[in-house]
Amino acid sequence: MITVATLLWQSNAHSLPTSCCYDETWAEKLYRGFARNLTQPFRFVVFTDRPRRFGIPIEQRAIREDPPTYACCLEPYRMDVPMILVGLDTIVTGNIDHLATYCLTADKVAVPRDPIFTDTVCDGVHLVPAGFAHWYEEAAGANDMEFIRSRKDQVNVIDDMWPGHVRSYRCDIKDRGFGDTRIAYFHGQLKPHEIVDREPWVRRHWQ
């Protein structure tokens, strides 16, 4: 079975201003997005700083680091299972069975090409096969983006395998249109709640 993982913690001194908007409702919307767009069973796991109350079947695991930093974003790797790892500011907009199948059958992690610095990769979405728990240990508290970029020669690039399926809102969708996006990830300024009133696709898929 595929696992979908994300993280939720109370913003703190280590958090960027753009990451101070999250609460339980973001995890619930993310769960429902995957439920609408995966035809196979999946387990949904939230790594969190404290026990949370959710209205839907979400498994919780404790974040080890206190207080949490962005290095915690690699903690789901320690589960060592086939996994789609995303941030809470992610919207699933179309069928992603092929992405789940990749995690169940591949032998390399896959991530997007960085939409700004196109000579490297980013951590907008992780497609992770089983057997990569050692990456969490090897990261040893490093920033998640820096660690993934340090492994850029060891990963597959999602954009090369399925062009246009996993896209940045800020760099791709905002100015170039929605296209055949299956997963939209957000980074930096502008989050789903700030554009929901002017982007029909957000209203349709982020609920």
N, C-alpha and C. Protein backbone atom coordinates (compact mmCIF):
# COMPACT_ATOMS: atom_id res chain seq x y z
N MET A 1 0.84 -1.20 0.00
CA MET A 1 0.00 0.00 0.00
C MET A 1 0.88 1.25 0.00
N ILE A 2 0.45 2.26 -0.73
CA ILE A 2 1.18 3.52 -0.77
C ILE A 2 0.84 4.34 0.47
N THR A 3 1.83 5.04 1.00
CA THR A 3 1.64 5.97 2.11
C THR A 3 1.76 7.40 1.57
N VAL A 4 0.87 8.25 1.99
CA VAL A 4 0.97 9.68 1.72
C VAL A 4 1.35 10.35 3.03
N ALA A 5 2.39 11.18 3.02
CA ALA A 5 2.87 11.80 4.25
C ALA A 5 2.99 13.30 4.10
N THR A 6 2.76 13.99 5.21
CA THR A 6 2.95 15.43 5.28
C THR A 6 3.30 15.77 6.71
N LEU A 7 3.49 17.07 6.99
CA LEU A 7 3.87 17.51 8.33
C LEU A 7 3.08 18.73 8.74
N LEU A 8 2.82 18.83 10.05
CA LEU A 8 2.09 19.97 10.61
C LEU A 8 2.68 20.29 11.97
N TRP A 9 3.16 21.54 12.11
CA TRP A 9 3.60 21.97 13.44
C TRP A 9 3.26 23.44 13.64
N GLN A 10 3.16 23.82 14.91
CA GLN A 10 2.92 25.21 15.24
C GLN A 10 4.11 26.04 14.81
N SER A 11 3.85 27.13 14.09
CA SER A 11 4.96 27.97 13.63
C SER A 11 5.76 28.48 14.81
N ASN A 12 7.05 28.67 14.58
CA ASN A 12 7.95 29.09 15.65
C ASN A 12 9.02 30.01 15.06
N ALA A 13 10.06 30.25 15.82
CA ALA A 13 11.10 31.19 15.39
C ALA A 13 11.83 30.71 14.15
N HIS A 14 11.77 29.42 13.86
CA HIS A 14 12.44 28.86 12.67
C HIS A 14 11.56 28.93 11.43
N SER A 15 10.31 29.28 11.57
CA SER A 15 9.35 29.22 10.47
C SER A 15 9.38 30.50 9.63
N LEU A 16 9.27 30.33 8.34
CA LEU A 16 9.13 31.48 7.46
C LEU A 16 7.72 32.07 7.59
N PRO A 17 7.56 33.36 7.36
CA PRO A 17 6.22 33.97 7.47
C PRO A 17 5.18 33.28 6.59
N THR A 18 5.61 32.76 5.44
CA THR A 18 4.65 32.11 4.53
C THR A 18 4.19 30.76 5.05
N SER A 19 4.79 30.27 6.13
CA SER A 19 4.42 28.95 6.67
C SER A 19 3.64 29.05 7.97
N CYS A 20 3.09 30.20 8.26
CA CYS A 20 2.41 30.41 9.54
C CYS A 20 0.89 30.28 9.44
N CYS A 21 0.39 29.75 8.35
CA CYS A 21 -1.05 29.72 8.11
C CYS A 21 -1.67 28.33 8.32
N TYR A 22 -0.87 27.33 8.62
CA TYR A 22 -1.38 25.96 8.58
C TYR A 22 -2.08 25.56 9.87
N ASP A 23 -3.13 24.75 9.72
CA ASP A 23 -3.79 24.11 10.84
C ASP A 23 -4.35 22.77 10.37
N GLU A 24 -5.16 22.14 11.18
CA GLU A 24 -5.66 20.80 10.86
C GLU A 24 -6.47 20.76 9.57
N THR A 25 -7.14 21.86 9.25
CA THR A 25 -7.98 21.85 8.05
C THR A 25 -7.16 21.67 6.77
N TRP A 26 -5.92 22.12 6.79
CA TRP A 26 -5.07 21.94 5.61
C TRP A 26 -4.77 20.46 5.39
N ALA A 27 -4.52 19.74 6.47
CA ALA A 27 -4.26 18.30 6.35
C ALA A 27 -5.51 17.58 5.86
N GLU A 28 -6.67 17.99 6.34
CA GLU A 28 -7.91 17.34 5.92
C GLU A 28 -8.19 17.59 4.44
N LYS A 29 -7.95 18.80 3.96
CA LYS A 29 -8.14 19.08 2.53
C LYS A 29 -7.15 18.28 1.69
N LEU A 30 -5.94 18.16 2.17
CA LEU A 30 -4.94 17.38 1.44
C LEU A 30 -5.35 15.92 1.37
N TYR A 31 -5.81 15.37 2.47
CA TYR A 31 -6.30 13.98 2.48
C TYR A 31 -7.40 13.78 1.45
N ARG A 32 -8.37 14.69 1.44
CA ARG A 32 -9.49 14.53 0.51
C ARG A 32 -9.03 14.65 -0.94
N GLY A 33 -8.02 15.48 -1.20
CA GLY A 33 -7.49 15.58 -2.56
C GLY A 33 -6.89 14.27 -3.03
N PHE A 34 -6.15 13.61 -2.16
CA PHE A 34 -5.61 12.30 -2.52
C PHE A 34 -6.72 11.27 -2.65
N ALA A 35 -7.70 11.32 -1.78
CA ALA A 35 -8.80 10.35 -1.84
C ALA A 35 -9.57 10.47 -3.15
N ARG A 36 -9.71 11.68 -3.67
CA ARG A 36 -10.44 11.87 -4.93
C ARG A 36 -9.63 11.41 -6.14
N ASN A 37 -8.32 11.38 -6.02
CA ASN A 37 -7.48 11.20 -7.20
C ASN A 37 -6.57 9.98 -7.19
N LEU A 38 -6.73 9.12 -6.19
CA LEU A 38 -6.05 7.82 -6.16
C LEU A 38 -7.12 6.75 -6.18
N THR A 39 -7.02 5.80 -7.09
CA THR A 39 -8.01 4.72 -7.12
C THR A 39 -7.60 3.54 -6.26
N GLN A 40 -6.36 3.55 -5.77
CA GLN A 40 -5.89 2.46 -4.93
C GLN A 40 -5.90 2.88 -3.46
N PRO A 41 -5.95 1.91 -2.55
CA PRO A 41 -5.94 2.26 -1.12
C PRO A 41 -4.64 2.97 -0.74
N PHE A 42 -4.74 3.86 0.23
CA PHE A 42 -3.54 4.54 0.71
C PHE A 42 -3.68 4.82 2.20
N ARG A 43 -2.55 4.99 2.83
CA ARG A 43 -2.49 5.39 4.24
C ARG A 43 -2.02 6.83 4.28
N PHE A 44 -2.65 7.65 5.10
CA PHE A 44 -2.31 9.07 5.19
C PHE A 44 -1.71 9.33 6.57
N VAL A 45 -0.49 9.85 6.61
CA VAL A 45 0.23 10.04 7.86
C VAL A 45 0.66 11.50 7.98
N VAL A 46 0.34 12.10 9.12
CA VAL A 46 0.79 13.45 9.42
C VAL A 46 1.81 13.38 10.56
N PHE A 47 3.00 13.87 10.30
CA PHE A 47 4.00 14.04 11.36
C PHE A 47 3.71 15.39 12.01
N THR A 48 3.50 15.38 13.32
CA THR A 48 3.03 16.58 13.99
C THR A 48 3.75 16.79 15.32
N ASP A 49 3.72 18.05 15.78
CA ASP A 49 4.42 18.43 17.01
C ASP A 49 3.66 18.03 18.27
N ARG A 50 2.37 17.77 18.14
CA ARG A 50 1.54 17.40 19.29
C ARG A 50 0.31 16.67 18.76
N PRO A 51 -0.38 15.91 19.60
CA PRO A 51 -1.59 15.23 19.14
C PRO A 51 -2.61 16.23 18.62
N ARG A 52 -3.18 15.90 17.47
CA ARG A 52 -4.15 16.78 16.82
C ARG A 52 -5.49 16.05 16.71
N ARG A 53 -6.56 16.83 16.56
CA ARG A 53 -7.88 16.25 16.38
C ARG A 53 -8.30 16.48 14.94
N PHE A 54 -8.45 15.37 14.22
CA PHE A 54 -8.89 15.43 12.83
C PHE A 54 -10.26 14.78 12.70
N GLY A 55 -11.03 15.25 11.73
CA GLY A 55 -12.35 14.70 11.52
C GLY A 55 -12.40 13.56 10.53
N ILE A 56 -11.24 13.14 10.02
CA ILE A 56 -11.15 12.05 9.04
C ILE A 56 -10.00 11.14 9.44
N PRO A 57 -9.91 9.94 8.86
CA PRO A 57 -8.93 8.94 9.33
C PRO A 57 -7.50 9.28 8.95
N ILE A 58 -6.85 10.04 9.80
CA ILE A 58 -5.47 10.45 9.59
C ILE A 58 -4.60 9.87 10.71
N GLU A 59 -3.56 9.16 10.31
CA GLU A 59 -2.62 8.62 11.29
C GLU A 59 -1.63 9.71 11.68
N GLN A 60 -1.30 9.77 12.96
CA GLN A 60 -0.37 10.77 13.44
C GLN A 60 0.91 10.13 13.98
N ARG A 61 2.03 10.78 13.69
CA ARG A 61 3.31 10.39 14.26
C ARG A 61 4.00 11.63 14.82
N ALA A 62 4.71 11.46 15.91
CA ALA A 62 5.34 12.59 16.57
C ALA A 62 6.62 13.01 15.85
N ILE A 63 6.76 14.31 15.64
CA ILE A 63 8.02 14.86 15.14
C ILE A 63 9.06 14.74 16.25
N ARG A 64 10.24 14.29 15.91
CA ARG A 64 11.27 14.07 16.92
C ARG A 64 11.92 15.36 17.38
N GLU A 65 12.12 16.30 16.47
CA GLU A 65 12.86 17.51 16.80
C GLU A 65 11.97 18.50 17.54
N ASP A 66 12.50 19.13 18.57
CA ASP A 66 11.75 20.09 19.36
C ASP A 66 12.66 21.29 19.68
N PRO A 67 12.32 22.48 19.15
CA PRO A 67 11.17 22.77 18.29
C PRO A 67 11.43 22.32 16.85
N PRO A 68 10.38 22.11 16.10
CA PRO A 68 10.55 21.66 14.72
C PRO A 68 11.20 22.73 13.84
N THR A 69 12.01 22.26 12.89
CA THR A 69 12.57 23.12 11.85
C THR A 69 12.29 22.44 10.51
N TYR A 70 12.74 23.06 9.42
CA TYR A 70 12.49 22.47 8.11
C TYR A 70 13.26 21.17 7.89
N ALA A 71 14.25 20.91 8.75
CA ALA A 71 14.92 19.60 8.68
C ALA A 71 13.94 18.47 8.98
N CYS A 72 12.88 18.77 9.72
CA CYS A 72 11.88 17.75 10.06
C CYS A 72 11.16 17.23 8.82
N CYS A 73 11.20 17.98 7.74
CA CYS A 73 10.47 17.57 6.54
C CYS A 73 11.00 16.26 5.96
N LEU A 74 12.16 15.82 6.42
CA LEU A 74 12.69 14.53 5.98
C LEU A 74 12.34 13.40 6.93
N GLU A 75 11.71 13.70 8.05
CA GLU A 75 11.38 12.64 9.01
C GLU A 75 10.52 11.52 8.43
N PRO A 76 9.56 11.80 7.54
CA PRO A 76 8.77 10.69 7.01
C PRO A 76 9.61 9.62 6.31
N TYR A 77 10.81 9.95 5.86
CA TYR A 77 11.67 8.93 5.26
C TYR A 77 11.96 7.79 6.22
N ARG A 78 11.94 8.06 7.52
CA ARG A 78 12.30 7.00 8.46
C ARG A 78 11.25 5.89 8.52
N MET A 79 10.07 6.11 7.94
CA MET A 79 9.09 5.02 7.88
C MET A 79 9.54 3.91 6.96
N ASP A 80 10.40 4.25 5.97
CA ASP A 80 10.99 3.27 5.05
C ASP A 80 9.93 2.51 4.24
N VAL A 81 8.91 3.23 3.78
CA VAL A 81 7.83 2.62 3.00
C VAL A 81 7.67 3.38 1.69
N PRO A 82 7.03 2.78 0.69
CA PRO A 82 6.71 3.53 -0.53
C PRO A 82 5.80 4.72 -0.17
N MET A 83 6.19 5.91 -0.59
CA MET A 83 5.57 7.10 -0.03
C MET A 83 5.55 8.26 -1.03
N ILE A 84 4.45 8.99 -1.03
CA ILE A 84 4.38 10.31 -1.65
C ILE A 84 4.44 11.32 -0.52
N LEU A 85 5.47 12.14 -0.51
CA LEU A 85 5.67 13.13 0.55
C LEU A 85 5.46 14.52 -0.02
N VAL A 86 4.55 15.27 0.59
CA VAL A 86 4.24 16.62 0.11
C VAL A 86 4.05 17.55 1.29
N GLY A 87 4.11 18.84 1.01
CA GLY A 87 3.78 19.84 2.01
C GLY A 87 2.28 20.04 2.12
N LEU A 88 1.86 20.67 3.19
CA LEU A 88 0.44 20.96 3.37
C LEU A 88 -0.09 21.88 2.28
N ASP A 89 0.78 22.72 1.73
CA ASP A 89 0.37 23.65 0.67
C ASP A 89 0.47 23.00 -0.70
N THR A 90 -0.18 21.86 -0.82
CA THR A 90 -0.19 21.07 -2.05
C THR A 90 -1.64 20.78 -2.42
N ILE A 91 -1.96 20.86 -3.70
CA ILE A 91 -3.32 20.55 -4.15
C ILE A 91 -3.23 19.44 -5.20
N VAL A 92 -3.95 18.36 -4.96
CA VAL A 92 -4.01 17.25 -5.91
C VAL A 92 -5.20 17.51 -6.82
N THR A 93 -4.95 17.55 -8.12
CA THR A 93 -5.96 18.05 -9.06
C THR A 93 -6.37 17.05 -10.14
N GLY A 94 -5.72 15.88 -10.17
CA GLY A 94 -6.04 14.89 -11.19
C GLY A 94 -5.51 13.53 -10.79
N ASN A 95 -5.84 12.53 -11.58
CA ASN A 95 -5.46 11.17 -11.24
C ASN A 95 -3.94 11.02 -11.11
N ILE A 96 -3.51 10.40 -10.03
CA ILE A 96 -2.07 10.24 -9.77
C ILE A 96 -1.71 8.77 -9.51
N ASP A 97 -2.50 7.86 -10.06
CA ASP A 97 -2.18 6.45 -9.90
C ASP A 97 -0.76 6.13 -10.37
N HIS A 98 -0.33 6.78 -11.46
CA HIS A 98 1.00 6.50 -12.00
C HIS A 98 2.10 6.94 -11.04
N LEU A 99 1.86 7.99 -10.28
CA LEU A 99 2.86 8.44 -9.32
C LEU A 99 2.95 7.46 -8.14
N ALA A 100 1.80 6.95 -7.71
CA ALA A 100 1.81 5.95 -6.65
C ALA A 100 2.48 4.67 -7.12
N THR A 101 2.20 4.25 -8.35
CA THR A 101 2.81 3.04 -8.89
C THR A 101 4.33 3.19 -8.96
N TYR A 102 4.78 4.38 -9.31
CA TYR A 102 6.23 4.62 -9.33
C TYR A 102 6.84 4.32 -7.95
N CYS A 103 6.22 4.84 -6.91
CA CYS A 103 6.76 4.63 -5.56
C CYS A 103 6.80 3.15 -5.19
N LEU A 104 5.84 2.40 -5.70
CA LEU A 104 5.74 0.97 -5.37
C LEU A 104 6.69 0.11 -6.17
N THR A 105 7.24 0.63 -7.27
CA THR A 105 8.01 -0.21 -8.18
C THR A 105 9.41 0.30 -8.49
N ALA A 106 9.69 1.57 -8.27
CA ALA A 106 10.96 2.15 -8.69
C ALA A 106 12.06 1.90 -7.66
N ASP A 107 13.27 2.28 -8.01
CA ASP A 107 14.39 2.13 -7.09
C ASP A 107 15.12 3.44 -6.83
N LYS A 108 14.56 4.55 -7.34
CA LYS A 108 15.13 5.87 -7.09
C LYS A 108 14.04 6.83 -6.62
N VAL A 109 14.41 7.72 -5.71
CA VAL A 109 13.52 8.82 -5.36
C VAL A 109 13.36 9.72 -6.58
N ALA A 110 12.17 10.30 -6.75
CA ALA A 110 11.93 11.26 -7.83
C ALA A 110 11.39 12.56 -7.23
N VAL A 111 11.91 13.67 -7.71
CA VAL A 111 11.49 15.00 -7.27
C VAL A 111 11.40 15.92 -8.49
N PRO A 112 10.77 17.09 -8.34
CA PRO A 112 10.68 18.00 -9.49
C PRO A 112 12.01 18.71 -9.77
N ARG A 113 12.16 19.13 -10.99
CA ARG A 113 13.22 20.09 -11.31
C ARG A 113 12.85 21.42 -10.66
N ASP A 114 13.83 22.10 -10.09
CA ASP A 114 13.53 23.38 -9.48
C ASP A 114 13.04 24.35 -10.55
N PRO A 115 11.86 24.95 -10.37
CA PRO A 115 11.31 25.80 -11.43
C PRO A 115 12.01 27.14 -11.56
N ILE A 116 12.82 27.50 -10.58
CA ILE A 116 13.57 28.76 -10.64
C ILE A 116 15.02 28.50 -11.03
N PHE A 117 15.68 27.60 -10.30
CA PHE A 117 17.07 27.24 -10.57
C PHE A 117 17.06 25.89 -11.30
N THR A 118 16.88 25.95 -12.61
CA THR A 118 16.57 24.75 -13.38
C THR A 118 17.75 23.79 -13.56
N ASP A 119 18.92 24.15 -13.04
CA ASP A 119 20.05 23.22 -13.10
C ASP A 119 20.08 22.29 -11.90
N THR A 120 19.08 22.42 -11.02
CA THR A 120 19.03 21.55 -9.85
C THR A 120 17.60 21.09 -9.63
N VAL A 121 17.34 20.48 -8.49
CA VAL A 121 16.01 19.93 -8.17
C VAL A 121 15.46 20.65 -6.95
N CYS A 122 14.19 20.37 -6.64
CA CYS A 122 13.58 20.94 -5.44
C CYS A 122 12.80 19.85 -4.72
N ASP A 123 12.24 20.20 -3.60
CA ASP A 123 11.54 19.20 -2.78
C ASP A 123 10.03 19.43 -2.75
N GLY A 124 9.49 19.99 -3.84
CA GLY A 124 8.05 20.25 -3.88
C GLY A 124 7.20 19.01 -3.69
N VAL A 125 7.61 17.90 -4.27
CA VAL A 125 6.94 16.60 -4.15
C VAL A 125 8.02 15.53 -4.16
N HIS A 126 7.93 14.58 -3.23
CA HIS A 126 8.86 13.45 -3.21
C HIS A 126 8.09 12.18 -3.56
N LEU A 127 8.57 11.44 -4.54
CA LEU A 127 8.08 10.09 -4.82
C LEU A 127 9.15 9.14 -4.32
N VAL A 128 8.84 8.39 -3.26
CA VAL A 128 9.87 7.66 -2.53
C VAL A 128 9.59 6.17 -2.51
N PRO A 129 10.44 5.34 -3.09
CA PRO A 129 10.30 3.89 -2.93
C PRO A 129 10.69 3.48 -1.51
N ALA A 130 10.38 2.26 -1.15
CA ALA A 130 10.86 1.71 0.11
C ALA A 130 12.38 1.60 0.07
N GLY A 131 12.99 1.62 1.25
CA GLY A 131 14.43 1.41 1.33
C GLY A 131 15.26 2.67 1.43
N PHE A 132 14.63 3.81 1.72
CA PHE A 132 15.38 5.07 1.78
C PHE A 132 15.38 5.68 3.17
N ALA A 133 15.18 4.86 4.20
CA ALA A 133 15.25 5.38 5.57
C ALA A 133 16.63 5.96 5.87
N HIS A 134 17.65 5.43 5.21
CA HIS A 134 19.01 5.92 5.48
C HIS A 134 19.17 7.38 5.08
N TRP A 135 18.35 7.89 4.18
CA TRP A 135 18.46 9.31 3.82
C TRP A 135 18.13 10.20 5.01
N TYR A 136 17.18 9.78 5.83
CA TYR A 136 16.87 10.56 7.04
C TYR A 136 18.08 10.58 7.97
N GLU A 137 18.72 9.44 8.13
CA GLU A 137 19.90 9.37 9.00
C GLU A 137 21.05 10.19 8.41
N GLU A 138 21.23 10.09 7.11
CA GLU A 138 22.35 10.79 6.47
C GLU A 138 22.15 12.30 6.47
N ALA A 139 20.90 12.74 6.46
CA ALA A 139 20.63 14.18 6.47
C ALA A 139 21.10 14.82 7.76
N ALA A 140 20.97 14.11 8.88
CA ALA A 140 21.52 14.54 10.17
C ALA A 140 21.15 15.98 10.51
N GLY A 141 19.87 16.32 10.31
CA GLY A 141 19.40 17.64 10.68
C GLY A 141 19.60 18.71 9.63
N ALA A 142 20.01 18.34 8.43
CA ALA A 142 20.19 19.32 7.37
C ALA A 142 18.85 19.84 6.88
N ASN A 143 18.84 21.05 6.34
CA ASN A 143 17.66 21.59 5.68
C ASN A 143 17.22 20.64 4.59
N ASP A 144 15.92 20.40 4.49
CA ASP A 144 15.42 19.40 3.55
C ASP A 144 15.76 19.73 2.11
N MET A 145 15.63 21.00 1.70
CA MET A 145 15.94 21.37 0.33
C MET A 145 17.43 21.18 0.03
N GLU A 146 18.28 21.60 0.96
CA GLU A 146 19.71 21.45 0.74
C GLU A 146 20.10 19.98 0.61
N PHE A 147 19.48 19.13 1.42
CA PHE A 147 19.81 17.71 1.35
C PHE A 147 19.38 17.11 0.02
N ILE A 148 18.15 17.40 -0.41
CA ILE A 148 17.68 16.84 -1.68
C ILE A 148 18.55 17.32 -2.83
N ARG A 149 18.95 18.57 -2.80
CA ARG A 149 19.84 19.06 -3.86
C ARG A 149 21.20 18.38 -3.81
N SER A 150 21.65 18.00 -2.63
CA SER A 150 22.92 17.29 -2.55
C SER A 150 22.84 15.90 -3.15
N ARG A 151 21.63 15.40 -3.37
CA ARG A 151 21.41 14.08 -3.97
C ARG A 151 20.90 14.18 -5.41
N LYS A 152 21.07 15.34 -6.04
CA LYS A 152 20.44 15.55 -7.35
C LYS A 152 20.92 14.59 -8.41
N ASP A 153 22.11 14.03 -8.26
CA ASP A 153 22.62 13.06 -9.23
C ASP A 153 22.14 11.64 -8.94
N GLN A 154 21.38 11.48 -7.85
CA GLN A 154 20.89 10.15 -7.46
C GLN A 154 19.38 10.03 -7.59
N VAL A 155 18.72 11.07 -8.10
CA VAL A 155 17.26 11.04 -8.18
C VAL A 155 16.80 11.10 -9.63
N ASN A 156 15.57 10.69 -9.84
CA ASN A 156 14.90 10.92 -11.11
C ASN A 156 14.13 12.23 -11.03
N VAL A 157 13.92 12.85 -12.17
CA VAL A 157 13.23 14.13 -12.23
C VAL A 157 11.81 13.90 -12.75
N ILE A 158 10.84 14.25 -11.93
CA ILE A 158 9.44 14.01 -12.27
C ILE A 158 9.08 14.69 -13.59
N ASP A 159 9.59 15.90 -13.82
CA ASP A 159 9.26 16.64 -15.03
C ASP A 159 9.68 15.91 -16.30
N ASP A 160 10.74 15.13 -16.23
CA ASP A 160 11.20 14.38 -17.39
C ASP A 160 10.35 13.14 -17.65
N MET A 161 9.83 12.55 -16.59
CA MET A 161 9.03 11.34 -16.74
C MET A 161 7.58 11.65 -17.12
N TRP A 162 7.01 12.66 -16.50
CA TRP A 162 5.62 13.04 -16.76
C TRP A 162 5.54 14.56 -16.87
N PRO A 163 5.93 15.11 -18.01
CA PRO A 163 5.95 16.56 -18.17
C PRO A 163 4.57 17.18 -17.90
N GLY A 164 4.57 18.23 -17.11
CA GLY A 164 3.35 18.97 -16.85
C GLY A 164 2.42 18.39 -15.82
N HIS A 165 2.79 17.28 -15.19
CA HIS A 165 1.89 16.66 -14.21
C HIS A 165 2.10 17.20 -12.80
N VAL A 166 3.33 17.55 -12.45
CA VAL A 166 3.64 18.08 -11.12
C VAL A 166 4.25 19.47 -11.34
N ARG A 167 3.50 20.52 -10.93
CA ARG A 167 3.87 21.87 -11.34
C ARG A 167 3.81 22.85 -10.17
N SER A 168 4.68 23.83 -10.24
CA SER A 168 4.69 24.94 -9.29
C SER A 168 3.60 25.94 -9.64
N TYR A 169 2.81 26.35 -8.63
CA TYR A 169 1.83 27.41 -8.90
C TYR A 169 2.55 28.70 -9.26
N ARG A 170 3.52 29.06 -8.47
CA ARG A 170 4.20 30.35 -8.61
C ARG A 170 4.90 30.50 -9.95
N CYS A 171 5.57 29.45 -10.42
CA CYS A 171 6.39 29.56 -11.62
C CYS A 171 5.74 29.01 -12.88
N ASP A 172 4.77 28.12 -12.73
CA ASP A 172 4.17 27.48 -13.90
C ASP A 172 2.71 27.88 -14.10
N ILE A 173 1.89 27.55 -13.14
CA ILE A 173 0.45 27.67 -13.33
C ILE A 173 -0.01 29.12 -13.36
N LYS A 174 0.55 29.95 -12.51
CA LYS A 174 0.09 31.32 -12.34
C LYS A 174 0.07 32.09 -13.67
N ASP A 175 1.14 31.95 -14.44
CA ASP A 175 1.25 32.72 -15.68
C ASP A 175 1.04 31.89 -16.94
N ARG A 176 1.17 30.57 -16.85
CA ARG A 176 1.12 29.74 -18.05
C ARG A 176 -0.16 28.91 -18.15
N GLY A 177 -0.99 28.94 -17.12
CA GLY A 177 -2.24 28.20 -17.17
C GLY A 177 -2.14 26.84 -16.50
N PHE A 178 -3.30 26.26 -16.27
CA PHE A 178 -3.43 25.03 -15.49
C PHE A 178 -2.95 23.79 -16.24
N GLY A 179 -3.23 23.69 -17.53
CA GLY A 179 -2.77 22.57 -18.34
C GLY A 179 -3.26 21.23 -17.83
N ASP A 180 -2.35 20.26 -17.78
CA ASP A 180 -2.67 18.89 -17.34
C ASP A 180 -2.10 18.62 -15.95
N THR A 181 -2.10 19.64 -15.13
CA THR A 181 -1.55 19.51 -13.77
C THR A 181 -2.28 18.43 -12.99
N ARG A 182 -1.52 17.57 -12.34
CA ARG A 182 -2.09 16.56 -11.44
C ARG A 182 -1.80 16.91 -9.97
N ILE A 183 -0.64 17.51 -9.72
CA ILE A 183 -0.31 18.00 -8.39
C ILE A 183 0.27 19.41 -8.55
N ALA A 184 -0.32 20.35 -7.83
CA ALA A 184 0.20 21.72 -7.79
C ALA A 184 0.86 21.94 -6.43
N TYR A 185 2.12 22.35 -6.44
CA TYR A 185 2.79 22.63 -5.18
C TYR A 185 3.09 24.13 -5.10
N PHE A 186 3.09 24.63 -3.87
CA PHE A 186 3.26 26.05 -3.62
C PHE A 186 4.56 26.27 -2.85
N HIS A 187 5.24 27.35 -3.15
CA HIS A 187 6.48 27.69 -2.44
C HIS A 187 6.62 29.19 -2.41
N GLY A 188 7.15 29.71 -1.32
CA GLY A 188 7.27 31.15 -1.20
C GLY A 188 5.91 31.81 -1.02
N GLN A 189 5.78 33.02 -1.54
CA GLN A 189 4.55 33.77 -1.37
C GLN A 189 3.42 33.20 -2.21
N LEU A 190 2.22 33.52 -1.79
CA LEU A 190 0.95 33.06 -2.36
C LEU A 190 0.70 31.59 -2.03
N LYS A 191 -0.28 31.38 -1.20
CA LYS A 191 -0.73 30.06 -0.79
C LYS A 191 -2.17 29.87 -1.24
N PRO A 192 -2.68 28.64 -1.22
CA PRO A 192 -4.04 28.40 -1.72
C PRO A 192 -5.11 29.30 -1.13
N HIS A 193 -5.06 29.57 0.17
CA HIS A 193 -6.11 30.38 0.78
C HIS A 193 -6.09 31.83 0.31
N GLU A 194 -4.98 32.27 -0.27
CA GLU A 194 -4.87 33.64 -0.74
C GLU A 194 -5.37 33.82 -2.18
N ILE A 195 -5.52 32.71 -2.89
CA ILE A 195 -5.93 32.81 -4.30
C ILE A 195 -7.23 32.07 -4.59
N VAL A 196 -7.83 31.48 -3.57
CA VAL A 196 -9.00 30.64 -3.80
C VAL A 196 -10.15 31.42 -4.43
N ASP A 197 -10.25 32.71 -4.14
CA ASP A 197 -11.37 33.50 -4.67
C ASP A 197 -11.17 33.91 -6.12
N ARG A 198 -9.96 33.77 -6.67
CA ARG A 198 -9.74 34.18 -8.05
C ARG A 198 -9.26 33.06 -8.96
N GLU A 199 -9.06 31.89 -8.42
CA GLU A 199 -8.61 30.74 -9.21
C GLU A 199 -9.66 29.64 -9.13
N PRO A 200 -10.50 29.47 -10.15
CA PRO A 200 -11.57 28.46 -10.09
C PRO A 200 -11.06 27.06 -9.81
N TRP A 201 -9.89 26.70 -10.34
CA TRP A 201 -9.38 25.35 -10.11
C TRP A 201 -9.04 25.12 -8.64
N VAL A 202 -8.63 26.17 -7.94
CA VAL A 202 -8.37 26.03 -6.50
C VAL A 202 -9.67 25.79 -5.76
N ARG A 203 -10.70 26.55 -6.07
CA ARG A 203 -12.00 26.35 -5.42
C ARG A 203 -12.50 24.92 -5.65
N ARG A 204 -12.25 24.39 -6.84
CA ARG A 204 -12.76 23.07 -7.19
C ARG A 204 -12.00 21.95 -6.48
N HIS A 205 -10.70 22.09 -6.36
CA HIS A 205 -9.88 20.97 -5.90
C HIS A 205 -9.39 21.10 -4.46
N TRP A 206 -9.44 22.28 -3.88
CA TRP A 206 -8.92 22.47 -2.52
C TRP A 206 -10.09 22.58 -1.57
N GLN A 207 -10.64 21.43 -1.22
CA GLN A 207 -11.79 21.40 -0.33
C GLN A 207 -11.86 20.08 0.41
